[in-house]
Amino acid sequence: MSPPIAEVELDEQARRALIRDVLERIGDKWSVVVICQLGDGTRRFNELSRLSEPITKRMLSATLQGLERDGLVSRTVHATKPPRVDYALTPRGASLLQIVRDLAGWAEENAAGIVEARSSFDAK
């Protein structure tokens, strides 16, 4: 497991920038969707694309690359014809899964109240 950010040698400005960048990545709507889809197991690109509609293939590819870069998703290429590529959550990604699911659940539980609040606000 990686050391906590406090143990990584970063100055305060770099540490804050890193935290903002990580929160931006995991707060992105498509990252949340992909993490939730991978929470049920390994998936292939086209399967993720179908399950994550209406995401474009370009956006899905960029999202997966970002999640892989941050160590949240692993990409495994199988030497078959045609090549098969599987995506899965890493242990770090799995540690984020429940938080993301809780956030999605909160959004679902509060959707009606948010619609009502928006209507009231927009009526002003």
C-alpha atoms as a PDB file:
ATOM      1  CA  MET A   1       0.000   0.000   0.000  1.00  0.00           C
ATOM      2  CA  SER A   2       1.209   3.526  -0.747  1.00  0.00           C
ATOM      3  CA  PRO A   3       2.273   5.820   2.074  1.00  0.00           C
ATOM      4  CA  PRO A   4      -0.200   8.497   3.175  1.00  0.00           C
ATOM      5  CA  ILE A   5       0.180  11.813   1.384  1.00  0.00           C
ATOM      6  CA  ALA A   6       1.631  13.321   4.566  1.00  0.00           C
ATOM      7  CA  GLU A   7       4.588  10.923   4.175  1.00  0.00           C
ATOM      8  CA  VAL A   8       5.179  11.732   0.494  1.00  0.00           C
ATOM      9  CA  GLU A   9       7.734  14.478   0.055  1.00  0.00           C
ATOM     10  CA  LEU A  10       5.671  17.313  -1.411  1.00  0.00           C
ATOM     11  CA  ASP A  11       5.642  20.948  -0.503  1.00  0.00           C
ATOM     12  CA  GLU A  12       2.326  22.354   0.714  1.00  0.00           C
ATOM     13  CA  GLN A  13       1.378  23.846  -2.655  1.00  0.00           C
ATOM     14  CA  ALA A  14       2.110  20.584  -4.519  1.00  0.00           C
ATOM     15  CA  ARG A  15       0.198  18.584  -1.890  1.00  0.00           C
ATOM     16  CA  ARG A  16      -2.865  20.801  -2.237  1.00  0.00           C
ATOM     17  CA  ALA A  17      -2.686  20.642  -6.025  1.00  0.00           C
ATOM     18  CA  LEU A  18      -2.486  16.852  -5.897  1.00  0.00           C
ATOM     19  CA  ILE A  19      -5.480  16.601  -3.583  1.00  0.00           C
ATOM     20  CA  ARG A  20      -7.520  18.922  -5.837  1.00  0.00           C
ATOM     21  CA  ASP A  21      -6.528  16.848  -8.869  1.00  0.00           C
ATOM     22  CA  VAL A  22      -7.522  13.578  -7.183  1.00  0.00           C
ATOM     23  CA  LEU A  23     -10.858  15.012  -6.028  1.00  0.00           C
ATOM     24  CA  GLU A  24     -11.496  16.311  -9.537  1.00  0.00           C
ATOM     25  CA  ARG A  25     -10.823  12.829 -10.970  1.00  0.00           C
ATOM     26  CA  ILE A  26     -13.036  10.923  -8.538  1.00  0.00           C
ATOM     27  CA  GLY A  27     -15.683  13.636  -8.572  1.00  0.00           C
ATOM     28  CA  ASP A  28     -16.073  13.452 -12.332  1.00  0.00           C
ATOM     29  CA  LYS A  29     -19.446  11.975 -13.231  1.00  0.00           C
ATOM     30  CA  TRP A  30     -18.017   9.398 -15.608  1.00  0.00           C
ATOM     31  CA  SER A  31     -15.373   8.253 -13.128  1.00  0.00           C
ATOM     32  CA  VAL A  32     -18.112   7.578 -10.592  1.00  0.00           C
ATOM     33  CA  VAL A  33     -20.107   5.591 -13.155  1.00  0.00           C
ATOM     34  CA  VAL A  34     -17.085   3.539 -14.251  1.00  0.00           C
ATOM     35  CA  ILE A  35     -15.996   2.810 -10.676  1.00  0.00           C
ATOM     36  CA  CYS A  36     -19.527   1.622  -9.850  1.00  0.00           C
ATOM     37  CA  GLN A  37     -19.660  -0.594 -12.953  1.00  0.00           C
ATOM     38  CA  LEU A  38     -16.277  -2.134 -12.155  1.00  0.00           C
ATOM     39  CA  GLY A  39     -17.427  -2.728  -8.587  1.00  0.00           C
ATOM     40  CA  ASP A  40     -19.353  -5.723  -9.890  1.00  0.00           C
ATOM     41  CA  GLY A  41     -16.216  -7.265 -11.431  1.00  0.00           C
ATOM     42  CA  THR A  42     -13.896  -7.145 -14.406  1.00  0.00           C
ATOM     43  CA  ARG A  43     -15.361  -5.680 -17.580  1.00  0.00           C
ATOM     44  CA  ARG A  44     -14.347  -5.284 -21.188  1.00  0.00           C
ATOM     45  CA  PHE A  45     -14.383  -1.883 -22.874  1.00  0.00           C
ATOM     46  CA  ASN A  46     -17.535  -2.441 -24.947  1.00  0.00           C
ATOM     47  CA  GLU A  47     -19.379  -3.839 -21.936  1.00  0.00           C
ATOM     48  CA  LEU A  48     -18.432  -0.749 -19.912  1.00  0.00           C
ATOM     49  CA  SER A  49     -19.539   1.424 -22.811  1.00  0.00           C
ATOM     50  CA  ARG A  50     -22.985  -0.223 -22.931  1.00  0.00           C
ATOM     51  CA  LEU A  51     -23.436  -0.107 -19.164  1.00  0.00           C
ATOM     52  CA  SER A  52     -22.342   3.528 -18.956  1.00  0.00           C
ATOM     53  CA  GLU A  53     -24.533   5.023 -21.708  1.00  0.00           C
ATOM     54  CA  PRO A  54     -24.635   7.774 -22.893  1.00  0.00           C
ATOM     55  CA  ILE A  55     -20.839   8.064 -22.467  1.00  0.00           C
ATOM     56  CA  THR A  56     -18.948   8.320 -25.736  1.00  0.00           C
ATOM     57  CA  LYS A  57     -16.190   5.829 -26.480  1.00  0.00           C
ATOM     58  CA  ARG A  58     -13.689   8.685 -26.512  1.00  0.00           C
ATOM     59  CA  MET A  59     -14.785   9.897 -23.073  1.00  0.00           C
ATOM     60  CA  LEU A  60     -14.799   6.342 -21.688  1.00  0.00           C
ATOM     61  CA  SER A  61     -11.275   5.813 -22.976  1.00  0.00           C
ATOM     62  CA  ALA A  62     -10.078   9.078 -21.416  1.00  0.00           C
ATOM     63  CA  THR A  63     -11.825   8.247 -18.126  1.00  0.00           C
ATOM     64  CA  LEU A  64     -10.279   4.784 -17.975  1.00  0.00           C
ATOM     65  CA  GLN A  65      -6.822   6.190 -18.739  1.00  0.00           C
ATOM     66  CA  GLY A  66      -7.159   8.756 -15.959  1.00  0.00           C
ATOM     67  CA  LEU A  67      -8.342   6.144 -13.467  1.00  0.00           C
ATOM     68  CA  GLU A  68      -5.524   3.827 -14.527  1.00  0.00           C
ATOM     69  CA  ARG A  69      -2.972   6.631 -14.180  1.00  0.00           C
ATOM     70  CA  ASP A  70      -4.170   7.270 -10.612  1.00  0.00           C
ATOM     71  CA  GLY A  71      -3.917   3.579  -9.768  1.00  0.00           C
ATOM     72  CA  LEU A  72      -7.659   3.063  -9.362  1.00  0.00           C
ATOM     73  CA  VAL A  73      -8.180   0.804 -12.380  1.00  0.00           C
ATOM     74  CA  SER A  74      -5.992  -1.884 -13.931  1.00  0.00           C
ATOM     75  CA  ARG A  75      -5.900  -2.676 -17.631  1.00  0.00           C
ATOM     76  CA  THR A  76      -4.996  -6.203 -18.700  1.00  0.00           C
ATOM     77  CA  VAL A  77      -4.327  -7.048 -22.348  1.00  0.00           C
ATOM     78  CA  HIS A  78      -4.751 -10.724 -23.234  1.00  0.00           C
ATOM     79  CA  ALA A  79      -2.732 -12.080 -26.172  1.00  0.00           C
ATOM     80  CA  THR A  80      -5.681 -13.474 -28.091  1.00  0.00           C
ATOM     81  CA  LYS A  81      -6.947 -12.875 -31.604  1.00  0.00           C
ATOM     82  CA  PRO A  82      -8.526 -10.374 -31.524  1.00  0.00           C
ATOM     83  CA  PRO A  83      -6.784  -8.938 -28.457  1.00  0.00           C
ATOM     84  CA  ARG A  84      -8.959  -8.827 -25.355  1.00  0.00           C
ATOM     85  CA  VAL A  85      -8.627  -6.007 -22.846  1.00  0.00           C
ATOM     86  CA  ASP A  86     -10.099  -6.242 -19.361  1.00  0.00           C
ATOM     87  CA  TYR A  87     -10.526  -3.454 -16.836  1.00  0.00           C
ATOM     88  CA  ALA A  88     -10.835  -3.990 -13.097  1.00  0.00           C
ATOM     89  CA  LEU A  89     -10.625  -2.015  -9.899  1.00  0.00           C
ATOM     90  CA  THR A  90      -7.284  -2.128  -8.147  1.00  0.00           C
ATOM     91  CA  PRO A  91      -7.221  -2.452  -4.355  1.00  0.00           C
ATOM     92  CA  ARG A  92      -7.047   1.367  -4.215  1.00  0.00           C
ATOM     93  CA  GLY A  93     -10.069   1.615  -6.524  1.00  0.00           C
ATOM     94  CA  ALA A  94     -11.950  -0.969  -4.472  1.00  0.00           C
ATOM     95  CA  SER A  95     -11.280   1.093  -1.348  1.00  0.00           C
ATOM     96  CA  LEU A  96     -13.065   3.991  -3.053  1.00  0.00           C
ATOM     97  CA  LEU A  97     -16.020   1.915  -4.267  1.00  0.00           C
ATOM     98  CA  GLN A  98     -18.188   2.114  -1.133  1.00  0.00           C
ATOM     99  CA  ILE A  99     -17.659   5.866  -0.872  1.00  0.00           C
ATOM    100  CA  VAL A 100     -18.747   6.303  -4.491  1.00  0.00           C
ATOM    101  CA  ARG A 101     -21.750   4.005  -3.992  1.00  0.00           C
ATOM    102  CA  ASP A 102     -22.739   5.952  -0.876  1.00  0.00           C
ATOM    103  CA  LEU A 103     -22.525   9.187  -2.863  1.00  0.00           C
ATOM    104  CA  ALA A 104     -24.667   7.735  -5.657  1.00  0.00           C
ATOM    105  CA  GLY A 105     -27.177   6.475  -3.081  1.00  0.00           C
ATOM    106  CA  TRP A 106     -27.328   9.916  -1.471  1.00  0.00           C
ATOM    107  CA  ALA A 107     -28.041  11.458  -4.881  1.00  0.00           C
ATOM    108  CA  GLU A 108     -30.833   8.965  -5.504  1.00  0.00           C
ATOM    109  CA  GLU A 109     -32.373   9.451  -2.051  1.00  0.00           C
ATOM    110  CA  ASN A 110     -32.333  13.225  -2.417  1.00  0.00           C
ATOM    111  CA  ALA A 111     -33.272  13.511  -6.092  1.00  0.00           C
ATOM    112  CA  ALA A 112     -36.912  14.459  -5.490  1.00  0.00           C
ATOM    113  CA  GLY A 113     -35.981  17.150  -2.963  1.00  0.00           C
ATOM    114  CA  ILE A 114     -33.339  18.536  -5.304  1.00  0.00           C
ATOM    115  CA  VAL A 115     -35.854  18.739  -8.166  1.00  0.00           C
ATOM    116  CA  GLU A 116     -38.246  20.566  -5.831  1.00  0.00           C
ATOM    117  CA  ALA A 117     -35.542  22.973  -4.657  1.00  0.00           C
ATOM    118  CA  ARG A 118     -34.500  23.686  -8.243  1.00  0.00           C
ATOM    119  CA  SER A 119     -38.095  24.404  -9.238  1.00  0.00           C
ATOM    120  CA  SER A 120     -38.495  26.808  -6.310  1.00  0.00           C
ATOM    121  CA  PHE A 121     -35.226  28.527  -7.094  1.00  0.00           C
ATOM    122  CA  ASP A 122     -35.985  28.825 -10.821  1.00  0.00           C
ATOM    123  CA  ALA A 123     -39.452  30.262 -10.067  1.00  0.00           C
ATOM    124  CA  LYS A 124     -37.897  33.283  -8.329  1.00  0.00           C
END
